[in-house]
Amino acid sequence: MAFMFACAMQAATGTTYTVAMKKVVAEVPDDIEESDYGHRSAPVPTECVIDATSGITFTDADAPEFVSYDILDTTGMTVASFADEESFISTLFSLSGEYQLRLVSDDYIYQGWVML
């Protein structure tokens, strides 16, 4: 299941990017029925700091164990996908342009946009 959210990067320095990330459920259980009643609101962005030396942190919670670190271009095509944080950060800091970041844990997908 793929979701696209347009959340712009908030701030950047030479070795740090602060990104507004949307947190969505990684997989909707099959036993949840669709309803005609009400609608769920969009997820509230959470601030994610990606630092070249200290790694990935979230300002409002502990960072979960990620199983995948993905970098996508503006069309949604995967540029790179990593199983480890260090390779993801190293590649991210070598790029330039606008990218969607997708950090996948067992339960949630964190997505945001960054301009490098």
C-alpha atoms as a PDB file:
ATOM      1  CA  MET A   1       0.000   0.000   0.000  1.00  0.00           C
ATOM      2  CA  ALA A   2       1.540   3.293  -1.038  1.00  0.00           C
ATOM      3  CA  PHE A   3       0.741   6.739   0.322  1.00  0.00           C
ATOM      4  CA  MET A   4       2.039  10.075  -0.943  1.00  0.00           C
ATOM      5  CA  PHE A   5       2.236  13.116   1.301  1.00  0.00           C
ATOM      6  CA  ALA A   6       3.738  16.438   0.355  1.00  0.00           C
ATOM      7  CA  CYS A   7       5.624  17.500   3.459  1.00  0.00           C
ATOM      8  CA  ALA A   8       8.461  19.869   2.817  1.00  0.00           C
ATOM      9  CA  MET A   9      11.801  19.828   4.514  1.00  0.00           C
ATOM     10  CA  GLN A  10      11.815  22.324   7.378  1.00  0.00           C
ATOM     11  CA  ALA A  11      15.473  23.127   7.896  1.00  0.00           C
ATOM     12  CA  ALA A  12      18.913  22.003   6.804  1.00  0.00           C
ATOM     13  CA  THR A  13      22.537  22.544   7.651  1.00  0.00           C
ATOM     14  CA  GLY A  14      25.606  20.964   6.094  1.00  0.00           C
ATOM     15  CA  THR A  15      25.247  17.781   8.148  1.00  0.00           C
ATOM     16  CA  THR A  16      21.644  17.834   9.411  1.00  0.00           C
ATOM     17  CA  TYR A  17      18.198  17.751   7.808  1.00  0.00           C
ATOM     18  CA  THR A  18      14.961  18.265   9.715  1.00  0.00           C
ATOM     19  CA  VAL A  19      12.022  16.686   7.912  1.00  0.00           C
ATOM     20  CA  ALA A  20       8.280  16.695   8.651  1.00  0.00           C
ATOM     21  CA  MET A  21       7.295  13.026   8.444  1.00  0.00           C
ATOM     22  CA  LYS A  22       3.807  11.532   8.220  1.00  0.00           C
ATOM     23  CA  LYS A  23       3.287   8.290  10.125  1.00  0.00           C
ATOM     24  CA  VAL A  24       0.869   5.820   8.518  1.00  0.00           C
ATOM     25  CA  VAL A  25      -0.011   2.219   9.306  1.00  0.00           C
ATOM     26  CA  ALA A  26       2.209  -0.099   7.285  1.00  0.00           C
ATOM     27  CA  GLU A  27      -0.537  -2.622   6.609  1.00  0.00           C
ATOM     28  CA  VAL A  28      -4.272  -2.361   7.217  1.00  0.00           C
ATOM     29  CA  PRO A  29      -5.613  -5.596   8.766  1.00  0.00           C
ATOM     30  CA  ASP A  30      -8.052  -7.541   6.579  1.00  0.00           C
ATOM     31  CA  ASP A  31     -10.636  -7.757   9.361  1.00  0.00           C
ATOM     32  CA  ILE A  32     -11.287  -3.981   9.349  1.00  0.00           C
ATOM     33  CA  GLU A  33     -14.426  -3.256   7.354  1.00  0.00           C
ATOM     34  CA  GLU A  34     -14.909  -0.058   5.438  1.00  0.00           C
ATOM     35  CA  SER A  35     -17.608   2.117   6.886  1.00  0.00           C
ATOM     36  CA  ASP A  36     -19.921   4.790   5.564  1.00  0.00           C
ATOM     37  CA  TYR A  37     -19.564   6.635   8.865  1.00  0.00           C
ATOM     38  CA  GLY A  38     -17.061   9.462   9.141  1.00  0.00           C
ATOM     39  CA  HIS A  39     -13.552   9.805   7.802  1.00  0.00           C
ATOM     40  CA  ARG A  40     -10.161   9.573   9.417  1.00  0.00           C
ATOM     41  CA  SER A  41      -8.138  12.754   9.476  1.00  0.00           C
ATOM     42  CA  ALA A  42      -4.682  12.985   7.948  1.00  0.00           C
ATOM     43  CA  PRO A  43      -1.823  12.018  10.243  1.00  0.00           C
ATOM     44  CA  VAL A  44      -0.110  14.823  12.133  1.00  0.00           C
ATOM     45  CA  PRO A  45       3.496  15.317  10.975  1.00  0.00           C
ATOM     46  CA  THR A  46       6.265  14.384  13.351  1.00  0.00           C
ATOM     47  CA  GLU A  47       9.658  16.075  13.214  1.00  0.00           C
ATOM     48  CA  CYS A  48      12.505  13.810  12.146  1.00  0.00           C
ATOM     49  CA  VAL A  49      16.131  14.926  12.394  1.00  0.00           C
ATOM     50  CA  ILE A  50      18.633  13.190  10.113  1.00  0.00           C
ATOM     51  CA  ASP A  51      22.177  13.926  11.209  1.00  0.00           C
ATOM     52  CA  ALA A  52      25.382  12.696   9.566  1.00  0.00           C
ATOM     53  CA  THR A  53      26.967  11.777  12.895  1.00  0.00           C
ATOM     54  CA  SER A  54      24.121  11.009  15.331  1.00  0.00           C
ATOM     55  CA  GLY A  55      21.738   9.299  12.891  1.00  0.00           C
ATOM     56  CA  ILE A  56      17.943   9.510  12.831  1.00  0.00           C
ATOM     57  CA  THR A  57      15.980  10.901  15.767  1.00  0.00           C
ATOM     58  CA  PHE A  58      12.390  12.000  16.269  1.00  0.00           C
ATOM     59  CA  THR A  59      11.705  15.053  18.414  1.00  0.00           C
ATOM     60  CA  ASP A  60       8.451  13.727  19.906  1.00  0.00           C
ATOM     61  CA  ALA A  61       9.248  10.011  20.356  1.00  0.00           C
ATOM     62  CA  ASP A  62      11.928   7.371  20.166  1.00  0.00           C
ATOM     63  CA  ALA A  63      12.808   6.243  16.662  1.00  0.00           C
ATOM     64  CA  PRO A  64      11.475   2.744  15.989  1.00  0.00           C
ATOM     65  CA  GLU A  65      13.515  -0.118  14.552  1.00  0.00           C
ATOM     66  CA  PHE A  66      13.384   0.458  10.821  1.00  0.00           C
ATOM     67  CA  VAL A  67      13.532  -2.471   8.415  1.00  0.00           C
ATOM     68  CA  SER A  68      13.927  -0.317   5.307  1.00  0.00           C
ATOM     69  CA  TYR A  69      15.251   3.159   4.508  1.00  0.00           C
ATOM     70  CA  ASP A  70      14.062   4.321   1.077  1.00  0.00           C
ATOM     71  CA  ILE A  71      14.846   7.330  -1.102  1.00  0.00           C
ATOM     72  CA  LEU A  72      12.373   8.036  -3.923  1.00  0.00           C
ATOM     73  CA  ASP A  73      12.391  10.663  -6.655  1.00  0.00           C
ATOM     74  CA  THR A  74       9.545  13.140  -7.242  1.00  0.00           C
ATOM     75  CA  THR A  75       7.688  10.632  -9.431  1.00  0.00           C
ATOM     76  CA  GLY A  76       7.697   7.958  -6.730  1.00  0.00           C
ATOM     77  CA  MET A  77      10.395   5.790  -8.317  1.00  0.00           C
ATOM     78  CA  THR A  78      12.881   4.252  -5.890  1.00  0.00           C
ATOM     79  CA  VAL A  79      16.327   5.815  -6.167  1.00  0.00           C
ATOM     80  CA  ALA A  80      17.853   3.694  -3.406  1.00  0.00           C
ATOM     81  CA  SER A  81      16.726   1.341  -0.649  1.00  0.00           C
ATOM     82  CA  PHE A  82      18.791   0.280   2.352  1.00  0.00           C
ATOM     83  CA  ALA A  83      18.546  -2.139   5.241  1.00  0.00           C
ATOM     84  CA  ASP A  84      20.890  -0.065   7.413  1.00  0.00           C
ATOM     85  CA  GLU A  85      20.762   3.528   8.625  1.00  0.00           C
ATOM     86  CA  GLU A  86      24.427   4.324   7.957  1.00  0.00           C
ATOM     87  CA  SER A  87      24.252   3.558   4.210  1.00  0.00           C
ATOM     88  CA  PHE A  88      20.978   5.486   3.902  1.00  0.00           C
ATOM     89  CA  ILE A  89      22.426   8.603   5.531  1.00  0.00           C
ATOM     90  CA  SER A  90      25.670   8.385   3.581  1.00  0.00           C
ATOM     91  CA  THR A  91      23.809   8.212   0.269  1.00  0.00           C
ATOM     92  CA  LEU A  92      21.269  10.880   1.268  1.00  0.00           C
ATOM     93  CA  PHE A  93      24.005  13.402   2.035  1.00  0.00           C
ATOM     94  CA  SER A  94      25.657  12.725  -1.351  1.00  0.00           C
ATOM     95  CA  LEU A  95      22.518  13.629  -3.353  1.00  0.00           C
ATOM     96  CA  SER A  96      21.072  16.930  -4.515  1.00  0.00           C
ATOM     97  CA  GLY A  97      17.501  17.757  -5.508  1.00  0.00           C
ATOM     98  CA  GLU A  98      14.068  16.914  -4.099  1.00  0.00           C
ATOM     99  CA  TYR A  99      13.351  13.441  -2.740  1.00  0.00           C
ATOM    100  CA  GLN A 100      10.718  11.563  -0.814  1.00  0.00           C
ATOM    101  CA  LEU A 101      12.052   9.683   2.186  1.00  0.00           C
ATOM    102  CA  ARG A 102      10.299   6.559   3.409  1.00  0.00           C
ATOM    103  CA  LEU A 103      11.348   4.886   6.655  1.00  0.00           C
ATOM    104  CA  VAL A 104       9.601   1.552   7.168  1.00  0.00           C
ATOM    105  CA  SER A 105       9.175  -0.245  10.503  1.00  0.00           C
ATOM    106  CA  ASP A 106       7.165  -3.415  11.144  1.00  0.00           C
ATOM    107  CA  ASP A 107       4.091  -1.383  12.096  1.00  0.00           C
ATOM    108  CA  TYR A 108       4.410   2.050  10.454  1.00  0.00           C
ATOM    109  CA  ILE A 109       5.734   3.900   7.430  1.00  0.00           C
ATOM    110  CA  TYR A 110       7.190   7.371   8.003  1.00  0.00           C
ATOM    111  CA  GLN A 111       7.168   9.530   4.857  1.00  0.00           C
ATOM    112  CA  GLY A 112       8.363  13.035   4.127  1.00  0.00           C
ATOM    113  CA  TRP A 113       9.965  15.231   1.489  1.00  0.00           C
ATOM    114  CA  VAL A 114      13.419  16.771   1.569  1.00  0.00           C
ATOM    115  CA  MET A 115      15.189  19.271  -0.681  1.00  0.00           C
ATOM    116  CA  LEU A 116      18.928  18.603  -0.699  1.00  0.00           C
END
